[in-house]
Amino acid sequence: MITSVLRDIFRVNLGAKKTERCLIFTDQMSPSEEIAAAVAEKRSKLKCVAFLASEIGKSFVREVDTRDFPSTGSHGAEPPEEIWKAAFGERTVRELNKKRLLTPLLQKKATDEEFSKAESVLRRFNKDAVDLVIALSYFSTSHTRFRDFLTRICGTRYASMPLFDFSMLEGPMNVDWRKLAKISAKIAGSINRAEKVEITTPNGTKLSFSIKGRKALTDTGILTKPGAFGNLPAGEVFLAPVEGSSNGRLILEWAPTRELSSPVTLVVKQGIVREIIGDEDFADELRRRLSDREENRNIAEFGMGTNNKAKRPDNILESEKILGTIHIALGDNSSFGGKVKTPFHQDFVFFKPTVSLVSKDGSKSSLMKNGKLQVTP
């Protein structure tokens, strides 16, 4: 089962070709990180998955380059220079450094003018970039310029697999990808006909926001077209709410990798988390992360899970894909239609949600009720 699913990552999900080059990377645990034993074990197993994937990949592509780099400590932070070199090529990174562009990119402080200059360099040397990326770092690289440049400019096909573990190979990775793609497209179509979203859950979460001018995207696991990007395991529809439009309360019962001992409440006003209420240890951790940068407080993403094989609530990579759930993320949304750039992106999953869509004329329709879809594929 395990080797079969790993083969399918190359054969089905990425559509790998014998002439192509693939980069696989993981991240090392930092001595400064406070890591529970169970989490440390999961992170060490990522290297095993990367090794197996690299060995299997050799029969599908011309070259597999496997790298391991120091942990960034945050979802959405840019990977280090060595990974940029492996992905974009030595010439590209040398030119970015020559023009003093790489450092502001890595720090997520680049101006629009610097972005434009960087894109010109990347287009000039885009043939040096790898064809495929399998990102097995514990901390996600999905919402980074590194990923955005690779997929949008270089045409690299990119599978993002943060927090991945072996159990997923027999669960949400063993799914009917065509059926998943069909329901995801149906949900995205419904959302894209609306201008506002209203959410409630049984635990007291209540949030509304504008999606006017924003487009819902699908993550279906089929990454065979040039520039395709998504999570594996896949299965979600997502978009960036209009900045400043979100208002309400988010009641967190789950952190990304564990159930909270008591709920944590996020008070949201004008698109920003203004207050964190709760005595749980995670509340203090979240206060610290949100105090690093004001942009970290941004309501960055609204998503809906579409994978009927996803079950685990204690791993955000899988839990945000569970059919019948929604997720809300804070921080960066610059790589999928938003305007906020920050080295932080954190998702939170909510169960048994009711999701209502408000159209331009003010009429309201139900997309999901108590975790049950109201549309048919």
Protein backbone atom coordinates (compact mmCIF):
# COMPACT_ATOMS: atom_id res chain seq x y z
CA MET A 1 0.00 0.00 0.00
CA ILE A 2 2.68 2.53 1.06
CA THR A 3 4.92 2.07 -1.97
CA SER A 4 1.88 2.00 -4.26
CA VAL A 5 0.62 5.38 -3.00
CA LEU A 6 4.13 6.88 -3.21
CA ARG A 7 4.36 5.68 -6.80
CA ASP A 8 1.01 7.34 -7.47
CA ILE A 9 2.41 10.67 -6.24
CA PHE A 10 4.76 10.60 -9.23
CA ARG A 11 2.52 8.74 -11.68
CA VAL A 12 -0.98 10.08 -10.92
CA ASN A 13 -0.69 13.25 -8.83
CA LEU A 14 2.32 14.83 -10.54
CA GLY A 15 2.33 13.05 -13.90
CA ALA A 16 6.13 12.74 -13.77
CA LYS A 17 8.13 12.26 -16.98
CA LYS A 18 11.45 10.50 -17.53
CA THR A 19 13.09 13.71 -18.76
CA GLU A 20 12.25 15.74 -15.65
CA ARG A 21 14.05 16.78 -12.48
CA CYS A 22 12.50 16.56 -9.01
CA LEU A 23 13.41 18.33 -5.75
CA ILE A 24 12.35 16.71 -2.46
CA PHE A 25 13.06 18.52 0.82
CA THR A 26 12.52 18.17 4.56
CA ASP A 27 13.48 20.38 7.50
CA GLN A 28 15.59 19.63 10.56
CA MET A 29 14.35 20.16 14.10
CA SER A 30 15.97 23.20 15.67
CA PRO A 31 17.56 22.89 19.16
CA SER A 32 15.63 26.01 20.20
CA GLU A 33 12.24 24.44 19.42
CA GLU A 34 10.20 23.06 22.31
CA ILE A 35 8.95 19.80 20.82
CA ALA A 36 6.88 17.09 22.45
CA ALA A 37 8.22 13.56 22.02
CA ALA A 38 5.29 12.52 19.83
CA VAL A 39 5.79 15.49 17.52
CA ALA A 40 9.54 14.87 17.34
CA GLU A 41 8.83 11.28 16.31
CA LYS A 42 6.46 12.42 13.55
CA ARG A 43 9.01 14.91 12.27
CA SER A 44 11.77 12.33 12.16
CA LYS A 45 9.49 10.06 10.12
CA LEU A 46 9.16 12.77 7.47
CA LYS A 47 12.76 12.01 6.54
CA CYS A 48 11.83 8.35 6.08
CA VAL A 49 8.99 9.33 3.77
CA ALA A 50 11.35 11.63 1.85
CA PHE A 51 13.92 8.85 1.49
CA LEU A 52 11.32 6.34 0.24
CA ALA A 53 9.89 8.93 -2.16
CA SER A 54 13.34 9.77 -3.53
CA GLU A 55 14.17 6.08 -4.13
CA ILE A 56 10.83 5.46 -5.84
CA GLY A 57 11.13 8.68 -7.84
CA LYS A 58 14.34 7.52 -9.50
CA SER A 59 12.31 5.16 -11.67
CA PHE A 60 10.01 7.98 -12.82
CA VAL A 61 12.30 10.98 -13.45
CA ARG A 62 15.78 11.74 -14.72
CA GLU A 63 17.06 13.21 -11.45
CA VAL A 64 15.95 13.39 -7.81
CA ASP A 65 17.64 15.95 -5.52
CA THR A 66 16.85 15.41 -1.82
CA ARG A 67 17.65 18.20 0.64
CA ASP A 68 17.33 18.77 4.40
CA PHE A 69 17.46 22.28 5.84
CA PRO A 70 17.19 23.97 9.29
CA SER A 71 13.58 24.47 10.34
CA THR A 72 12.12 27.95 9.80
CA GLY A 73 9.86 27.44 12.81
CA SER A 74 6.78 28.84 11.10
CA HIS A 75 4.26 27.92 8.43
CA GLY A 76 4.53 30.40 5.57
CA ALA A 77 8.16 31.38 6.20
CA GLU A 78 10.45 31.31 3.16
CA PRO A 79 12.88 28.38 2.91
CA PRO A 80 16.59 29.28 3.06
CA GLU A 81 18.89 30.25 0.21
CA GLU A 82 20.22 26.72 -0.31
CA ILE A 83 16.73 25.50 -1.18
CA TRP A 84 16.22 28.41 -3.58
CA LYS A 85 19.45 27.35 -5.31
CA ALA A 86 18.31 23.75 -5.54
CA ALA A 87 14.93 24.79 -6.94
CA PHE A 88 15.72 27.75 -9.22
CA GLY A 89 19.37 27.05 -10.04
CA GLU A 90 22.69 28.62 -9.08
CA ARG A 91 22.56 31.26 -11.84
CA THR A 92 19.17 32.53 -10.74
CA VAL A 93 20.10 32.91 -7.07
CA ARG A 94 23.45 34.50 -7.96
CA GLU A 95 21.61 37.12 -10.01
CA LEU A 96 19.04 37.73 -7.26
CA ASN A 97 21.86 38.29 -4.78
CA LYS A 98 23.72 40.54 -7.22
CA LYS A 99 20.65 42.76 -7.46
CA ARG A 100 20.13 42.57 -3.67
CA LEU A 101 16.72 41.00 -4.06
CA LEU A 102 16.98 37.65 -2.29
CA THR A 103 17.28 38.95 1.28
CA PRO A 104 14.09 41.06 1.20
CA LEU A 105 12.31 38.12 -0.45
CA LEU A 106 13.41 35.72 2.29
CA GLN A 107 12.37 38.22 4.96
CA LYS A 108 9.03 38.91 3.23
CA LYS A 109 9.86 42.60 3.12
CA ALA A 110 10.23 43.01 -0.64
CA THR A 111 8.51 46.00 -2.23
CA ASP A 112 6.36 45.77 -5.35
CA GLU A 113 9.31 47.12 -7.37
CA GLU A 114 11.62 44.45 -5.94
CA PHE A 115 9.05 41.75 -6.73
CA SER A 116 8.92 42.97 -10.31
CA LYS A 117 12.71 42.88 -10.63
CA ALA A 118 12.86 39.41 -9.08
CA GLU A 119 10.23 38.11 -11.48
CA SER A 120 12.28 39.43 -14.41
CA VAL A 121 15.30 37.47 -13.20
CA LEU A 122 13.24 34.32 -12.70
CA ARG A 123 11.71 34.56 -16.18
CA ARG A 124 15.17 35.01 -17.68
CA PHE A 125 16.45 31.78 -16.10
CA ASN A 126 13.20 29.84 -15.72
CA LYS A 127 14.55 26.84 -17.65
CA ASP A 128 17.04 26.27 -14.81
CA ALA A 129 14.22 25.49 -12.35
CA VAL A 130 13.25 21.97 -11.36
CA ASP A 131 10.14 20.43 -12.92
CA LEU A 132 8.69 18.89 -9.75
CA VAL A 133 8.80 19.68 -6.03
CA ILE A 134 7.69 17.40 -3.21
CA ALA A 135 7.78 19.59 -0.11
CA LEU A 136 7.97 17.36 2.97
CA SER A 137 9.10 20.05 5.42
CA TYR A 138 7.21 19.99 8.74
CA PHE A 139 6.46 23.70 8.37
CA SER A 140 4.43 24.53 5.28
CA THR A 141 5.92 26.30 2.26
CA SER A 142 2.56 26.59 0.51
CA HIS A 143 2.07 30.28 1.20
CA THR A 144 5.53 31.51 0.22
CA ARG A 145 6.97 33.46 -2.69
CA PHE A 146 9.34 30.54 -3.19
CA ARG A 147 6.37 28.34 -4.09
CA ASP A 148 4.53 31.11 -5.95
CA PHE A 149 7.54 31.92 -8.17
CA LEU A 150 8.19 28.26 -8.93
CA THR A 151 4.63 27.48 -9.99
CA ARG A 152 3.55 30.78 -11.54
CA ILE A 153 6.74 31.78 -13.36
CA CYS A 154 8.72 28.57 -13.82
CA GLY A 155 5.83 26.17 -14.39
CA THR A 156 7.02 23.80 -11.67
CA ARG A 157 4.47 21.27 -10.39
CA TYR A 158 4.44 21.48 -6.60
CA ALA A 159 3.11 19.01 -4.01
CA SER A 160 3.10 20.56 -0.54
CA MET A 161 3.04 17.94 2.26
CA PRO A 162 3.71 19.59 5.65
CA LEU A 163 2.96 17.56 8.82
CA PHE A 164 2.72 14.44 6.65
CA ASP A 165 2.88 11.01 8.28
CA PHE A 166 2.63 7.39 7.18
CA SER A 167 -1.00 6.93 8.24
CA MET A 168 -2.09 9.34 5.51
CA LEU A 169 -0.86 6.95 2.83
CA GLU A 170 -3.62 4.51 3.76
CA GLY A 171 -6.23 7.19 4.52
CA PRO A 172 -6.73 10.50 2.67
CA MET A 173 -4.10 9.65 0.02
CA ASN A 174 -6.04 6.51 -0.92
CA VAL A 175 -8.98 8.40 -2.42
CA ASP A 176 -10.93 8.61 -5.66
CA TRP A 177 -9.19 11.70 -7.05
CA ARG A 178 -11.69 12.24 -9.88
CA LYS A 179 -14.68 12.20 -7.54
CA LEU A 180 -12.87 14.57 -5.17
CA ALA A 181 -12.15 16.97 -8.05
CA LYS A 182 -15.81 16.91 -9.11
CA ILE A 183 -17.26 17.89 -5.72
CA SER A 184 -14.52 20.50 -5.20
CA ALA A 185 -15.38 22.17 -8.53
CA LYS A 186 -19.08 22.17 -7.61
CA ILE A 187 -18.43 23.91 -4.27
CA ALA A 188 -16.07 26.45 -5.83
CA GLY A 189 -18.66 27.30 -8.47
CA SER A 190 -21.28 27.99 -5.81
CA ILE A 191 -18.92 30.21 -3.81
CA ASN A 192 -17.83 32.16 -6.88
CA ARG A 193 -21.42 33.23 -7.55
CA ALA A 194 -21.61 34.92 -4.14
CA GLU A 195 -20.22 38.16 -2.70
CA LYS A 196 -20.39 37.42 1.02
CA VAL A 197 -20.01 34.39 3.28
CA GLU A 198 -21.61 33.85 6.70
CA ILE A 199 -20.43 31.04 9.01
CA THR A 200 -21.76 29.63 12.27
CA THR A 201 -20.88 26.49 14.25
CA PRO A 202 -22.51 24.78 17.27
CA ASN A 203 -19.64 25.87 19.55
CA GLY A 204 -20.39 29.58 19.08
CA THR A 205 -18.19 30.51 16.13
CA LYS A 206 -19.81 33.23 14.05
CA LEU A 207 -17.99 35.02 11.24
CA SER A 208 -18.95 36.95 8.13
CA PHE A 209 -16.77 38.42 5.40
CA SER A 210 -16.80 39.76 1.85
CA ILE A 211 -15.45 37.72 -1.04
CA LYS A 212 -16.27 40.32 -3.69
CA GLY A 213 -13.64 40.18 -6.43
CA ARG A 214 -12.01 37.08 -4.96
CA LYS A 215 -11.97 33.65 -6.60
CA ALA A 216 -12.38 30.29 -4.88
CA LEU A 217 -9.65 27.85 -5.88
CA THR A 218 -9.63 24.05 -5.70
CA ASP A 219 -6.98 21.72 -4.31
CA THR A 220 -7.75 18.35 -5.90
CA GLY A 221 -4.44 16.48 -5.84
CA ILE A 222 -4.22 16.43 -9.65
CA LEU A 223 -1.04 18.41 -10.29
CA THR A 224 -0.21 17.40 -13.83
CA LYS A 225 -0.47 20.77 -15.60
CA PRO A 226 2.47 23.20 -15.74
CA GLY A 227 2.49 25.35 -12.62
CA ALA A 228 0.02 23.15 -10.74
CA PHE A 229 0.16 23.43 -6.95
CA GLY A 230 -1.64 21.78 -4.06
CA ASN A 231 -1.45 19.83 -0.85
CA LEU A 232 -1.07 16.08 -0.61
CA PRO A 233 -3.27 14.78 0.82
CA ALA A 234 -5.56 17.10 -1.09
CA GLY A 235 -9.21 18.03 -0.90
CA GLU A 236 -10.26 21.60 -0.29
CA VAL A 237 -11.78 24.72 -1.79
CA PHE A 238 -10.24 27.96 -0.54
CA LEU A 239 -10.00 31.71 -1.08
CA ALA A 240 -8.73 34.91 0.52
CA PRO A 241 -11.54 36.97 2.11
CA VAL A 242 -11.40 40.69 1.35
CA GLU A 243 -9.02 42.29 3.84
CA GLY A 244 -10.76 44.30 6.55
CA SER A 245 -14.18 42.74 5.91
CA SER A 246 -14.24 39.89 8.47
CA ASN A 247 -16.17 40.35 11.70
CA GLY A 248 -17.22 37.97 14.46
CA ARG A 249 -15.78 35.32 16.79
CA LEU A 250 -13.80 32.15 16.20
CA ILE A 251 -14.03 29.52 18.94
CA LEU A 252 -10.99 27.24 18.67
CA GLU A 253 -11.30 23.72 20.06
CA TRP A 254 -8.33 22.30 18.16
CA ALA A 255 -4.77 23.54 17.73
CA PRO A 256 -3.02 22.34 14.55
CA THR A 257 -1.87 19.07 16.15
CA ARG A 258 -3.97 18.54 19.31
CA GLU A 259 -7.30 19.10 20.99
CA LEU A 260 -7.30 22.08 23.35
CA SER A 261 -7.98 21.48 27.04
CA SER A 262 -10.36 24.46 26.97
CA PRO A 263 -11.68 26.64 24.12
CA VAL A 264 -9.80 29.70 22.91
CA THR A 265 -11.80 32.61 21.49
CA LEU A 266 -10.52 34.95 18.79
CA VAL A 267 -12.42 38.23 18.54
CA VAL A 268 -12.33 39.49 14.95
CA LYS A 269 -13.04 43.08 13.97
CA GLN A 270 -12.50 44.61 10.53
CA GLY A 271 -10.48 41.65 9.31
CA ILE A 272 -8.11 41.51 12.26
CA VAL A 273 -7.90 39.35 15.40
CA ARG A 274 -8.24 42.04 18.07
CA GLU A 275 -8.39 39.86 21.18
CA ILE A 276 -7.52 36.32 22.27
CA ILE A 277 -9.55 34.99 25.19
CA GLY A 278 -8.58 31.80 27.02
CA ASP A 279 -6.28 30.28 29.64
CA GLU A 280 -5.08 27.34 27.55
CA ASP A 281 -1.31 27.28 26.91
CA PHE A 282 -1.99 27.56 23.20
CA ALA A 283 -3.63 30.96 23.78
CA ASP A 284 -0.32 32.33 25.08
CA GLU A 285 1.55 30.80 22.15
CA LEU A 286 -0.89 32.39 19.73
CA ARG A 287 -0.68 35.77 21.48
CA ARG A 288 3.09 35.64 21.07
CA ARG A 289 2.92 34.77 17.37
CA LEU A 290 0.32 37.44 16.61
CA SER A 291 2.31 40.08 18.46
CA ASP A 292 5.34 39.49 16.20
CA ARG A 293 3.68 41.34 13.32
CA GLU A 294 0.34 43.08 12.95
CA GLU A 295 -0.09 41.27 9.62
CA ASN A 296 -0.16 37.91 11.46
CA ARG A 297 -3.58 38.92 12.83
CA ASN A 298 -5.13 39.04 9.36
CA ILE A 299 -8.05 36.74 8.49
CA ALA A 300 -6.25 35.25 5.52
CA GLU A 301 -8.20 32.27 4.27
CA PHE A 302 -11.57 30.57 4.22
CA GLY A 303 -11.56 26.93 3.13
CA MET A 304 -13.84 23.88 2.97
CA GLY A 305 -12.70 20.25 3.13
CA THR A 306 -13.70 17.89 0.30
CA ASN A 307 -11.85 14.60 1.02
CA ASN A 308 -14.16 11.84 2.28
CA LYS A 309 -11.20 9.68 3.36
CA ALA A 310 -9.75 12.39 5.63
CA LYS A 311 -10.65 11.72 9.28
CA ARG A 312 -7.96 12.83 11.74
CA PRO A 313 -8.65 16.06 13.65
CA ASP A 314 -5.17 16.20 15.24
CA ASN A 315 -3.15 16.99 12.12
CA ILE A 316 -4.01 20.19 10.27
CA LEU A 317 -2.79 18.87 6.91
CA GLU A 318 -5.46 16.17 7.08
CA SER A 319 -8.11 17.81 9.26
CA GLU A 320 -8.60 20.81 6.96
CA LYS A 321 -9.43 18.32 4.17
CA ILE A 322 -12.21 16.52 6.09
CA LEU A 323 -15.44 16.62 4.11
CA GLY A 324 -17.97 18.61 6.13
CA THR A 325 -15.49 20.95 7.84
CA ILE A 326 -14.32 24.48 7.21
CA HIS A 327 -11.05 26.14 8.10
CA ILE A 328 -10.01 29.72 8.72
CA ALA A 329 -6.37 30.82 8.51
CA LEU A 330 -4.51 33.80 9.91
CA GLY A 331 -1.58 35.67 8.39
CA ASP A 332 -0.27 35.55 4.83
CA ASN A 333 -2.59 35.29 1.82
CA SER A 334 -0.43 36.95 -0.82
CA SER A 335 0.10 33.75 -2.81
CA PHE A 336 -3.60 33.01 -3.51
CA GLY A 337 -5.26 36.33 -4.25
CA GLY A 338 -4.83 38.33 -1.05
CA LYS A 339 -2.76 41.39 -0.20
CA VAL A 340 -1.09 40.51 3.11
CA LYS A 341 2.56 39.40 3.17
CA THR A 342 4.02 37.96 6.37
CA PRO A 343 6.11 34.88 7.30
CA PHE A 344 3.16 33.32 9.11
CA HIS A 345 0.14 31.30 8.00
CA GLN A 346 -1.87 29.17 10.42
CA ASP A 347 -5.10 27.27 9.77
CA PHE A 348 -7.79 26.28 12.27
CA VAL A 349 -10.51 23.72 11.59
CA PHE A 350 -14.17 24.02 12.63
CA PHE A 351 -16.61 21.12 12.78
CA LYS A 352 -20.33 20.88 11.89
CA PRO A 353 -20.41 24.35 10.31
CA THR A 354 -23.31 26.07 8.65
CA VAL A 355 -22.17 28.11 5.64
CA SER A 356 -24.47 30.63 3.94
CA LEU A 357 -23.72 32.49 0.73
CA VAL A 358 -25.04 35.99 0.08
CA SER A 359 -25.37 37.06 -3.54
CA LYS A 360 -25.08 40.52 -5.08
CA ASP A 361 -28.84 41.15 -4.75
CA GLY A 362 -28.81 40.20 -1.07
CA SER A 363 -30.46 36.81 -1.45
CA LYS A 364 -29.05 34.04 0.73
CA SER A 365 -28.47 30.35 0.01
CA SER A 366 -27.21 27.49 2.14
CA LEU A 367 -23.98 25.77 1.06
CA MET A 368 -23.57 23.64 4.17
CA LYS A 369 -25.78 22.96 7.19
CA ASN A 370 -24.36 21.42 10.36
CA GLY A 371 -21.54 19.88 8.33
CA LYS A 372 -23.76 18.50 5.58
CA LEU A 373 -23.31 19.80 2.04
CA GLN A 374 -26.46 21.29 0.52
CA VAL A 375 -25.18 20.89 -3.05
CA THR A 376 -24.80 17.67 -5.00
CA PRO A 377 -21.76 16.87 -7.14
